[in-house]
Each structure stands twice: as structure tokens, then as C-alpha cells.
Amino acid sequence: ERGAQFRRSIPYRPASNRLAEGWQQALEAAVRAIMGHAGVPATFWGYACVFAAYCMANSPDKRSAVDGKVPHERFYGEPNRHYQAVPFGCRAAFLLEREEREKFGSPTRQGVVLGHAQMGAFHVLDVETFRQSGFVSVRTTRDVHLDFTQFPCRDLVGVVPLSATAWTLSRQFYADVGVRAA
């Protein structure tokens, strides 16, 4: 009904399913490039995978030249109203909940974007909590200010510089999905 077709393949023989293997390879390459560009620790590979799949679903593909639609629009019949292209791992300042704010303290905290959530919100890693206690606190919020040029995780974990290939892959991926990345 929505373009998905059921096809049997031989168990444990990935070569018999070229289409799925091709998507999996593209997704893995995108995740490696995204994580390398952002300098995010390997702990967050799941967020990077979901982010890459989300970007791929909302970006033009080969069939878009024919029908003018992105995969999300082809599947659901309408464009994604909440899609906003942002670089994975960029700096984010998010608003604290009222209960968490101190009377004379800052109402915001520094974070790192780990991907899109529902209805235009973002998953944001609370950097201050991570630095102070090593505890991973990921918040989901719409009250966020993004800085596309800063990538705090590069400083946070002392990441090895990207190889030329990984740098080219990350730049190509972000260009394909319409993101301006530093």
C-alpha cells in the first residue's frame, strides 16, 4: 500500500538482499562520518544512527528527481513539517525547567545536539552534568538555541583529528541533507 514490498531472502546471506545491504552500508558510513565530524564519544552511536536515518528520510534521493518528493513524503503522503536540518553534535543552549532554576543563576545550560525528537524538539546532552559527574543526562526540549559552528565534544573527549576521507564523507553527507556545518 505504501510502497513496501515483502521479499524473502536466504537467512545469514546478506548478499541476497542488495537493497537492504545498500541502505545499511550508507547508514553506517553516515554514522561514522557524523560521529567523526562532531567528535562525539562512541557511547552515542545510537543517537547518531537515528539522526542519520532521520536526515536520509527527509533528504532528496535518486527518485526525488522523478517525483519531486523525499522518502518521508513518499511513505506518509505529506512532507515532514517539523524537519529542521542541524548538524549532529553542535552546541546548544537549552532552557532549564522552572523547578531546576536557581533564583539568581542562569536559566540556561550548555548542551550538545544528539538529534531530533518529536514535534520539532531536540535531544540535547547536558554538558555541564557530564563534565561534573560523568553522568549522561540527555534532555528532550524545544527551548533551545543552536550554534552550528561549535562542536563542544571535540574538546570534551580529546578526539583524534579526522582523516581526510572521514572529513570528506562528513562534509558530503551534510551537503546532501542541506546542513551548513563547520
N, C-alpha and C. Protein backbone atom coordinates (compact mmCIF):
# COMPACT_ATOMS: atom_id res chain seq x y z
N GLU A 1 0.82 -1.19 0.00
CA GLU A 1 0.00 0.00 0.00
C GLU A 1 0.87 1.27 0.00
N ARG A 2 1.95 1.27 0.81
CA ARG A 2 2.80 2.46 0.91
C ARG A 2 4.14 2.27 0.21
N GLY A 3 4.23 1.31 -0.66
CA GLY A 3 5.46 1.12 -1.41
C GLY A 3 6.38 0.06 -0.83
N ALA A 4 6.07 -0.48 0.36
CA ALA A 4 6.90 -1.53 0.95
C ALA A 4 6.47 -2.87 0.37
N GLN A 5 7.45 -3.67 0.00
CA GLN A 5 7.15 -4.99 -0.55
C GLN A 5 7.87 -6.05 0.28
N PHE A 6 7.19 -7.15 0.54
CA PHE A 6 7.77 -8.25 1.29
C PHE A 6 8.48 -9.17 0.32
N ARG A 7 9.77 -9.41 0.56
CA ARG A 7 10.56 -10.33 -0.25
C ARG A 7 11.36 -11.22 0.66
N ARG A 8 11.33 -12.49 0.39
CA ARG A 8 12.11 -13.44 1.19
C ARG A 8 13.57 -13.42 0.75
N SER A 9 14.45 -13.66 1.71
CA SER A 9 15.86 -13.78 1.39
C SER A 9 16.44 -14.93 2.21
N ILE A 10 17.59 -15.39 1.82
CA ILE A 10 18.22 -16.51 2.49
C ILE A 10 18.78 -16.04 3.83
N PRO A 11 18.47 -16.76 4.94
CA PRO A 11 18.98 -16.34 6.25
C PRO A 11 20.51 -16.35 6.28
N TYR A 12 21.08 -15.35 6.93
CA TYR A 12 22.53 -15.21 7.14
C TYR A 12 23.31 -15.07 5.83
N ARG A 13 22.65 -14.65 4.77
CA ARG A 13 23.30 -14.40 3.49
C ARG A 13 22.94 -12.99 3.04
N PRO A 14 23.65 -11.99 3.57
CA PRO A 14 23.28 -10.61 3.28
C PRO A 14 23.37 -10.24 1.80
N ALA A 15 24.20 -10.93 1.05
CA ALA A 15 24.35 -10.60 -0.37
C ALA A 15 23.07 -10.85 -1.15
N SER A 16 22.16 -11.65 -0.60
CA SER A 16 20.92 -11.94 -1.32
C SER A 16 19.90 -10.80 -1.20
N ASN A 17 20.21 -9.80 -0.40
CA ASN A 17 19.30 -8.67 -0.23
C ASN A 17 20.06 -7.37 -0.48
N ARG A 18 20.31 -7.08 -1.76
CA ARG A 18 21.14 -5.94 -2.13
C ARG A 18 20.59 -4.61 -1.64
N LEU A 19 19.29 -4.41 -1.74
CA LEU A 19 18.69 -3.13 -1.38
C LEU A 19 18.90 -2.82 0.10
N ALA A 20 18.58 -3.79 0.96
CA ALA A 20 18.75 -3.59 2.41
C ALA A 20 20.22 -3.41 2.76
N GLU A 21 21.09 -4.17 2.14
CA GLU A 21 22.52 -4.05 2.42
C GLU A 21 23.06 -2.69 1.97
N GLY A 22 22.56 -2.21 0.85
CA GLY A 22 22.98 -0.90 0.37
C GLY A 22 22.59 0.21 1.34
N TRP A 23 21.35 0.15 1.85
CA TRP A 23 20.90 1.14 2.84
C TRP A 23 21.71 1.03 4.12
N GLN A 24 21.98 -0.19 4.54
CA GLN A 24 22.74 -0.38 5.77
C GLN A 24 24.16 0.17 5.63
N GLN A 25 24.78 -0.07 4.49
CA GLN A 25 26.12 0.47 4.25
C GLN A 25 26.11 1.99 4.25
N ALA A 26 25.12 2.58 3.59
CA ALA A 26 25.01 4.04 3.54
C ALA A 26 24.79 4.60 4.94
N LEU A 27 23.95 3.93 5.72
CA LEU A 27 23.67 4.40 7.09
C LEU A 27 24.92 4.29 7.96
N GLU A 28 25.64 3.18 7.87
CA GLU A 28 26.87 3.02 8.66
C GLU A 28 27.91 4.07 8.29
N ALA A 29 28.06 4.34 6.99
CA ALA A 29 29.02 5.36 6.55
C ALA A 29 28.62 6.73 7.06
N ALA A 30 27.33 7.03 7.01
CA ALA A 30 26.84 8.32 7.52
C ALA A 30 27.08 8.45 9.01
N VAL A 31 26.84 7.38 9.77
CA VAL A 31 27.05 7.42 11.23
C VAL A 31 28.52 7.65 11.54
N ARG A 32 29.41 6.94 10.86
CA ARG A 32 30.85 7.14 11.10
C ARG A 32 31.26 8.57 10.79
N ALA A 33 30.78 9.09 9.67
CA ALA A 33 31.13 10.46 9.27
C ALA A 33 30.57 11.48 10.26
N ILE A 34 29.35 11.31 10.68
CA ILE A 34 28.71 12.25 11.61
C ILE A 34 29.44 12.24 12.95
N MET A 35 29.71 11.06 13.46
CA MET A 35 30.37 10.97 14.77
C MET A 35 31.80 11.50 14.70
N GLY A 36 32.49 11.23 13.60
CA GLY A 36 33.84 11.74 13.45
C GLY A 36 33.87 13.25 13.35
N HIS A 37 32.93 13.81 12.63
CA HIS A 37 32.86 15.26 12.47
C HIS A 37 32.54 15.95 13.79
N ALA A 38 31.61 15.40 14.55
CA ALA A 38 31.17 16.03 15.80
C ALA A 38 32.12 15.75 16.95
N GLY A 39 32.91 14.67 16.86
CA GLY A 39 33.80 14.31 17.96
C GLY A 39 33.06 13.71 19.14
N VAL A 40 31.90 13.16 18.89
CA VAL A 40 31.06 12.59 19.95
C VAL A 40 31.60 11.22 20.34
N PRO A 41 31.61 10.89 21.66
CA PRO A 41 32.08 9.57 22.09
C PRO A 41 31.23 8.44 21.48
N ALA A 42 31.81 7.26 21.36
CA ALA A 42 31.13 6.11 20.77
C ALA A 42 29.87 5.71 21.54
N THR A 43 29.76 6.15 22.78
CA THR A 43 28.57 5.86 23.60
C THR A 43 27.29 6.32 22.90
N PHE A 44 27.38 7.35 22.10
CA PHE A 44 26.20 7.95 21.50
C PHE A 44 25.96 7.50 20.06
N TRP A 45 26.48 6.33 19.67
CA TRP A 45 26.31 5.86 18.30
C TRP A 45 24.84 5.63 17.97
N GLY A 46 24.03 5.24 18.95
CA GLY A 46 22.60 5.02 18.71
C GLY A 46 21.90 6.30 18.30
N TYR A 47 22.22 7.40 18.99
CA TYR A 47 21.65 8.70 18.63
C TYR A 47 22.11 9.10 17.22
N ALA A 48 23.38 8.86 16.90
CA ALA A 48 23.90 9.20 15.58
C ALA A 48 23.21 8.39 14.49
N CYS A 49 22.92 7.13 14.78
CA CYS A 49 22.25 6.27 13.80
C CYS A 49 20.82 6.76 13.53
N VAL A 50 20.10 7.08 14.59
CA VAL A 50 18.73 7.59 14.42
C VAL A 50 18.76 8.93 13.69
N PHE A 51 19.72 9.78 14.03
CA PHE A 51 19.86 11.09 13.37
C PHE A 51 20.12 10.91 11.88
N ALA A 52 21.05 10.02 11.53
CA ALA A 52 21.38 9.80 10.12
C ALA A 52 20.18 9.26 9.35
N ALA A 53 19.46 8.32 9.94
CA ALA A 53 18.27 7.76 9.28
C ALA A 53 17.21 8.84 9.08
N TYR A 54 17.03 9.69 10.09
CA TYR A 54 16.06 10.78 10.01
C TYR A 54 16.44 11.75 8.89
N CYS A 55 17.71 12.11 8.82
CA CYS A 55 18.17 13.02 7.77
C CYS A 55 18.01 12.39 6.39
N MET A 56 18.33 11.10 6.27
CA MET A 56 18.21 10.42 4.98
C MET A 56 16.75 10.34 4.54
N ALA A 57 15.84 10.16 5.49
CA ALA A 57 14.41 10.07 5.16
C ALA A 57 13.84 11.42 4.74
N ASN A 58 14.47 12.50 5.16
CA ASN A 58 13.97 13.84 4.86
C ASN A 58 14.82 14.58 3.85
N SER A 59 15.67 13.86 3.13
CA SER A 59 16.55 14.46 2.13
C SER A 59 16.25 13.87 0.75
N PRO A 60 16.46 14.63 -0.30
CA PRO A 60 16.22 14.10 -1.65
C PRO A 60 17.09 12.89 -1.96
N ASP A 61 16.52 11.93 -2.67
CA ASP A 61 17.27 10.76 -3.10
C ASP A 61 17.15 10.63 -4.62
N LYS A 62 17.55 9.50 -5.18
CA LYS A 62 17.53 9.33 -6.64
C LYS A 62 16.12 9.48 -7.21
N ARG A 63 15.13 8.97 -6.49
CA ARG A 63 13.75 9.04 -7.00
C ARG A 63 13.17 10.44 -6.89
N SER A 64 13.78 11.29 -6.07
CA SER A 64 13.26 12.66 -5.90
C SER A 64 13.33 13.46 -7.19
N ALA A 65 14.31 13.15 -8.03
CA ALA A 65 14.44 13.85 -9.30
C ALA A 65 13.24 13.57 -10.20
N VAL A 66 12.63 12.38 -10.02
CA VAL A 66 11.49 11.99 -10.85
C VAL A 66 10.18 12.54 -10.29
N ASP A 67 9.93 12.29 -9.00
CA ASP A 67 8.63 12.69 -8.44
C ASP A 67 8.69 13.94 -7.55
N GLY A 68 9.88 14.46 -7.29
CA GLY A 68 10.00 15.69 -6.50
C GLY A 68 9.70 15.53 -5.02
N LYS A 69 9.71 14.28 -4.51
CA LYS A 69 9.38 14.03 -3.11
C LYS A 69 10.55 13.36 -2.40
N VAL A 70 10.68 13.64 -1.11
CA VAL A 70 11.68 12.95 -0.29
C VAL A 70 11.06 11.65 0.21
N PRO A 71 11.87 10.68 0.68
CA PRO A 71 11.32 9.39 1.11
C PRO A 71 10.21 9.51 2.16
N HIS A 72 10.34 10.42 3.12
CA HIS A 72 9.31 10.59 4.15
C HIS A 72 7.98 10.97 3.52
N GLU A 73 8.02 11.87 2.58
CA GLU A 73 6.81 12.34 1.92
C GLU A 73 6.19 11.25 1.06
N ARG A 74 7.04 10.43 0.41
CA ARG A 74 6.55 9.33 -0.39
C ARG A 74 5.83 8.30 0.47
N PHE A 75 6.38 8.02 1.66
CA PHE A 75 5.82 6.99 2.53
C PHE A 75 4.53 7.46 3.22
N TYR A 76 4.56 8.68 3.78
CA TYR A 76 3.43 9.18 4.56
C TYR A 76 2.44 10.01 3.76
N GLY A 77 2.82 10.43 2.55
CA GLY A 77 1.90 11.21 1.74
C GLY A 77 1.93 12.70 2.01
N GLU A 78 2.70 13.14 2.97
CA GLU A 78 2.82 14.57 3.26
C GLU A 78 4.23 14.87 3.75
N PRO A 79 4.71 16.11 3.53
CA PRO A 79 6.07 16.44 3.98
C PRO A 79 6.14 16.54 5.50
N ASN A 80 7.34 16.37 6.03
CA ASN A 80 7.57 16.48 7.47
C ASN A 80 7.63 17.97 7.83
N ARG A 81 6.64 18.45 8.54
CA ARG A 81 6.57 19.88 8.90
C ARG A 81 7.61 20.26 9.95
N HIS A 82 8.10 19.30 10.71
CA HIS A 82 8.98 19.59 11.83
C HIS A 82 10.46 19.39 11.52
N TYR A 83 10.78 19.03 10.30
CA TYR A 83 12.18 18.77 9.96
C TYR A 83 12.97 20.07 9.90
N GLN A 84 14.07 20.12 10.62
CA GLN A 84 14.98 21.24 10.58
C GLN A 84 16.38 20.64 10.51
N ALA A 85 17.10 20.95 9.46
CA ALA A 85 18.43 20.38 9.29
C ALA A 85 19.42 21.08 10.22
N VAL A 86 19.98 20.32 11.16
CA VAL A 86 21.00 20.84 12.07
C VAL A 86 22.15 19.84 12.12
N PRO A 87 23.38 20.30 12.33
CA PRO A 87 24.49 19.36 12.43
C PRO A 87 24.49 18.60 13.76
N PHE A 88 24.73 17.32 13.71
CA PHE A 88 24.81 16.48 14.90
C PHE A 88 26.01 16.91 15.73
N GLY A 89 25.83 17.06 17.03
CA GLY A 89 26.93 17.39 17.92
C GLY A 89 27.22 18.86 18.05
N CYS A 90 26.39 19.73 17.44
CA CYS A 90 26.65 21.17 17.55
C CYS A 90 26.24 21.68 18.94
N ARG A 91 26.75 22.84 19.29
CA ARG A 91 26.47 23.45 20.60
C ARG A 91 25.01 23.87 20.67
N ALA A 92 24.43 23.68 21.84
CA ALA A 92 23.05 24.09 22.08
C ALA A 92 22.96 24.67 23.49
N ALA A 93 22.27 25.77 23.61
CA ALA A 93 21.96 26.32 24.94
C ALA A 93 20.48 26.04 25.16
N PHE A 94 20.16 25.29 26.21
CA PHE A 94 18.76 24.93 26.43
C PHE A 94 18.26 25.53 27.74
N LEU A 95 16.97 25.80 27.78
CA LEU A 95 16.32 26.41 28.94
C LEU A 95 16.03 25.35 29.98
N LEU A 96 16.41 25.62 31.22
CA LEU A 96 16.12 24.69 32.32
C LEU A 96 14.65 24.78 32.70
N GLU A 97 14.13 23.71 33.26
CA GLU A 97 12.75 23.73 33.77
C GLU A 97 12.69 24.68 34.95
N ARG A 98 11.54 25.25 35.22
CA ARG A 98 11.38 26.20 36.33
C ARG A 98 11.88 25.64 37.66
N GLU A 99 11.58 24.39 37.92
CA GLU A 99 11.95 23.76 39.18
C GLU A 99 13.47 23.62 39.34
N GLU A 100 14.19 23.58 38.23
CA GLU A 100 15.64 23.40 38.26
C GLU A 100 16.43 24.70 38.35
N ARG A 101 15.79 25.80 38.06
CA ARG A 101 16.48 27.09 38.04
C ARG A 101 16.77 27.59 39.44
N GLU A 102 17.93 28.22 39.59
CA GLU A 102 18.27 28.89 40.85
C GLU A 102 17.81 30.33 40.73
N LYS A 103 17.54 30.94 41.87
CA LYS A 103 16.97 32.28 41.86
C LYS A 103 17.82 33.28 41.07
N PHE A 104 19.13 33.29 41.32
CA PHE A 104 19.99 34.25 40.64
C PHE A 104 20.94 33.58 39.65
N GLY A 105 20.73 32.32 39.37
CA GLY A 105 21.57 31.60 38.42
C GLY A 105 21.08 31.76 36.99
N SER A 106 21.85 31.22 36.09
CA SER A 106 21.49 31.27 34.68
C SER A 106 20.30 30.34 34.41
N PRO A 107 19.33 30.78 33.62
CA PRO A 107 18.18 29.92 33.30
C PRO A 107 18.50 28.91 32.19
N THR A 108 19.71 29.01 31.60
CA THR A 108 20.08 28.09 30.53
C THR A 108 21.30 27.27 30.91
N ARG A 109 21.51 26.21 30.16
CA ARG A 109 22.67 25.36 30.34
C ARG A 109 23.22 24.97 28.98
N GLN A 110 24.52 24.70 28.93
CA GLN A 110 25.15 24.31 27.66
C GLN A 110 24.90 22.84 27.38
N GLY A 111 24.70 22.54 26.11
CA GLY A 111 24.48 21.16 25.71
C GLY A 111 25.01 20.88 24.32
N VAL A 112 24.79 19.65 23.88
CA VAL A 112 25.21 19.18 22.56
C VAL A 112 24.02 18.49 21.91
N VAL A 113 23.71 18.86 20.68
CA VAL A 113 22.57 18.26 19.97
C VAL A 113 22.89 16.81 19.62
N LEU A 114 22.01 15.89 20.04
CA LEU A 114 22.17 14.47 19.72
C LEU A 114 21.10 13.98 18.75
N GLY A 115 20.28 14.90 18.24
CA GLY A 115 19.31 14.51 17.24
C GLY A 115 17.96 15.15 17.42
N HIS A 116 17.06 14.77 16.53
CA HIS A 116 15.70 15.30 16.53
C HIS A 116 14.81 14.43 17.40
N ALA A 117 13.87 15.06 18.08
CA ALA A 117 12.83 14.34 18.82
C ALA A 117 11.51 14.63 18.09
N GLN A 118 10.41 14.36 18.72
CA GLN A 118 9.12 14.59 18.07
C GLN A 118 8.73 16.06 18.11
N MET A 119 7.93 16.46 17.14
CA MET A 119 7.29 17.78 17.10
C MET A 119 8.27 18.95 17.19
N GLY A 120 9.40 18.86 16.51
CA GLY A 120 10.33 19.97 16.46
C GLY A 120 11.24 20.11 17.66
N ALA A 121 11.25 19.15 18.55
CA ALA A 121 12.14 19.19 19.71
C ALA A 121 13.46 18.49 19.37
N PHE A 122 14.44 18.65 20.25
CA PHE A 122 15.76 18.05 20.06
C PHE A 122 16.17 17.26 21.28
N HIS A 123 16.98 16.21 21.06
CA HIS A 123 17.65 15.51 22.15
C HIS A 123 18.95 16.26 22.38
N VAL A 124 19.18 16.70 23.63
CA VAL A 124 20.36 17.50 23.95
C VAL A 124 21.09 16.87 25.13
N LEU A 125 22.40 16.65 24.96
CA LEU A 125 23.24 16.16 26.04
C LEU A 125 23.59 17.33 26.95
N ASP A 126 23.34 17.19 28.25
CA ASP A 126 23.67 18.23 29.23
C ASP A 126 25.17 18.14 29.51
N VAL A 127 25.96 19.05 28.92
CA VAL A 127 27.42 19.01 29.00
C VAL A 127 27.91 19.28 30.42
N GLU A 128 27.29 20.22 31.12
CA GLU A 128 27.75 20.57 32.47
C GLU A 128 27.63 19.37 33.41
N THR A 129 26.51 18.66 33.36
CA THR A 129 26.34 17.47 34.20
C THR A 129 27.35 16.41 33.82
N PHE A 130 27.61 16.25 32.52
CA PHE A 130 28.55 15.26 32.04
C PHE A 130 29.97 15.58 32.52
N ARG A 131 30.35 16.86 32.47
CA ARG A 131 31.69 17.26 32.91
C ARG A 131 31.86 17.10 34.42
N GLN A 132 30.85 17.50 35.19
CA GLN A 132 30.97 17.49 36.64
C GLN A 132 30.94 16.09 37.24
N SER A 133 30.02 15.25 36.76
CA SER A 133 29.84 13.96 37.39
C SER A 133 30.10 12.76 36.49
N GLY A 134 30.25 12.99 35.20
CA GLY A 134 30.41 11.88 34.26
C GLY A 134 29.09 11.20 33.97
N PHE A 135 28.01 11.71 34.56
CA PHE A 135 26.67 11.16 34.37
C PHE A 135 26.10 11.69 33.06
N VAL A 136 25.55 10.81 32.26
CA VAL A 136 24.97 11.20 30.97
C VAL A 136 23.52 11.61 31.19
N SER A 137 23.23 12.86 30.93
CA SER A 137 21.87 13.38 31.06
C SER A 137 21.45 13.92 29.71
N VAL A 138 20.54 13.21 29.03
CA VAL A 138 20.03 13.64 27.74
C VAL A 138 18.63 14.19 27.94
N ARG A 139 18.43 15.42 27.53
CA ARG A 139 17.15 16.09 27.69
C ARG A 139 16.46 16.21 26.34
N THR A 140 15.15 16.23 26.36
CA THR A 140 14.36 16.47 25.15
C THR A 140 13.66 17.80 25.34
N THR A 141 13.98 18.76 24.47
CA THR A 141 13.45 20.10 24.65
C THR A 141 13.26 20.82 23.33
N ARG A 142 12.31 21.75 23.32
CA ARG A 142 12.11 22.64 22.17
C ARG A 142 12.74 24.00 22.44
N ASP A 143 12.98 24.31 23.72
CA ASP A 143 13.53 25.61 24.11
C ASP A 143 15.04 25.56 24.01
N VAL A 144 15.54 25.73 22.79
CA VAL A 144 16.97 25.56 22.55
C VAL A 144 17.47 26.60 21.55
N HIS A 145 18.67 27.08 21.79
CA HIS A 145 19.34 27.99 20.85
C HIS A 145 20.55 27.23 20.31
N LEU A 146 20.65 27.11 18.98
CA LEU A 146 21.68 26.29 18.36
C LEU A 146 22.80 27.15 17.77
N ASP A 147 24.03 26.66 17.91
CA ASP A 147 25.19 27.29 17.30
C ASP A 147 25.82 26.25 16.37
N PHE A 148 25.62 26.41 15.07
CA PHE A 148 26.06 25.41 14.08
C PHE A 148 27.57 25.39 13.87
N THR A 149 28.30 26.33 14.45
CA THR A 149 29.74 26.42 14.20
C THR A 149 30.59 25.82 15.30
N GLN A 150 30.01 25.53 16.45
CA GLN A 150 30.76 25.00 17.59
C GLN A 150 30.40 23.54 17.85
N PHE A 151 31.41 22.72 18.14
CA PHE A 151 31.22 21.31 18.43
C PHE A 151 31.94 20.97 19.73
N PRO A 152 31.28 21.14 20.89
CA PRO A 152 31.92 21.01 22.20
C PRO A 152 32.52 19.64 22.50
N CYS A 153 32.01 18.58 21.92
CA CYS A 153 32.53 17.24 22.23
C CYS A 153 33.95 17.06 21.73
N ARG A 154 34.36 17.84 20.75
CA ARG A 154 35.74 17.75 20.28
C ARG A 154 36.69 18.09 21.42
N ASP A 155 36.33 19.07 22.24
CA ASP A 155 37.14 19.47 23.38
C ASP A 155 36.92 18.56 24.58
N LEU A 156 35.73 18.00 24.67
CA LEU A 156 35.31 17.23 25.84
C LEU A 156 36.08 15.92 25.99
N VAL A 157 36.34 15.24 24.89
CA VAL A 157 36.95 13.91 24.98
C VAL A 157 38.32 13.81 24.32
N GLY A 158 38.83 14.89 23.77
CA GLY A 158 40.15 14.85 23.14
C GLY A 158 40.20 13.91 21.96
N VAL A 159 39.37 14.14 21.00
CA VAL A 159 39.24 13.25 19.85
C VAL A 159 40.41 13.41 18.89
N VAL A 160 40.81 12.31 18.30
CA VAL A 160 41.86 12.30 17.28
C VAL A 160 41.32 13.03 16.05
N PRO A 161 42.13 13.87 15.41
CA PRO A 161 41.65 14.60 14.23
C PRO A 161 41.15 13.64 13.15
N LEU A 162 40.19 14.09 12.37
CA LEU A 162 39.62 13.28 11.31
C LEU A 162 40.61 13.02 10.20
N SER A 163 40.51 11.83 9.62
CA SER A 163 41.29 11.56 8.41
C SER A 163 40.67 12.34 7.26
N ALA A 164 41.39 12.50 6.19
CA ALA A 164 40.87 13.26 5.04
C ALA A 164 39.62 12.59 4.48
N THR A 165 39.59 11.25 4.49
CA THR A 165 38.43 10.53 3.96
C THR A 165 37.21 10.77 4.83
N ALA A 166 37.34 10.66 6.14
CA ALA A 166 36.21 10.87 7.04
C ALA A 166 35.71 12.31 6.95
N TRP A 167 36.63 13.26 6.83
CA TRP A 167 36.25 14.66 6.72
C TRP A 167 35.44 14.89 5.44
N THR A 168 35.89 14.31 4.32
CA THR A 168 35.19 14.45 3.06
C THR A 168 33.81 13.81 3.14
N LEU A 169 33.73 12.62 3.76
CA LEU A 169 32.44 11.94 3.90
C LEU A 169 31.46 12.76 4.72
N SER A 170 31.92 13.34 5.85
CA SER A 170 31.01 14.11 6.69
C SER A 170 30.55 15.37 5.97
N ARG A 171 31.45 16.05 5.26
CA ARG A 171 31.07 17.25 4.51
C ARG A 171 30.06 16.89 3.41
N GLN A 172 30.29 15.75 2.73
CA GLN A 172 29.39 15.33 1.67
C GLN A 172 28.01 14.99 2.24
N PHE A 173 27.97 14.28 3.38
CA PHE A 173 26.69 13.91 3.98
C PHE A 173 25.91 15.16 4.36
N TYR A 174 26.57 16.11 5.04
CA TYR A 174 25.88 17.33 5.46
C TYR A 174 25.44 18.16 4.26
N ALA A 175 26.22 18.17 3.20
CA ALA A 175 25.82 18.89 1.99
C ALA A 175 24.59 18.23 1.37
N ASP A 176 24.55 16.90 1.38
CA ASP A 176 23.42 16.17 0.81
C ASP A 176 22.13 16.43 1.56
N VAL A 177 22.19 16.59 2.88
CA VAL A 177 20.97 16.79 3.68
C VAL A 177 20.69 18.26 3.94
N GLY A 178 21.47 19.15 3.36
CA GLY A 178 21.18 20.57 3.43
C GLY A 178 21.56 21.25 4.72
N VAL A 179 22.68 20.83 5.34
CA VAL A 179 23.13 21.41 6.61
C VAL A 179 24.41 22.18 6.37
N ARG A 180 24.49 23.37 6.97
CA ARG A 180 25.76 24.12 6.95
C ARG A 180 26.54 23.68 8.17
N ALA A 181 27.64 23.00 8.00
CA ALA A 181 28.44 22.52 9.12
C ALA A 181 29.84 23.11 9.04
N ALA A 182 30.40 23.38 10.22
CA ALA A 182 31.76 23.96 10.26
C ALA A 182 32.80 22.91 9.98
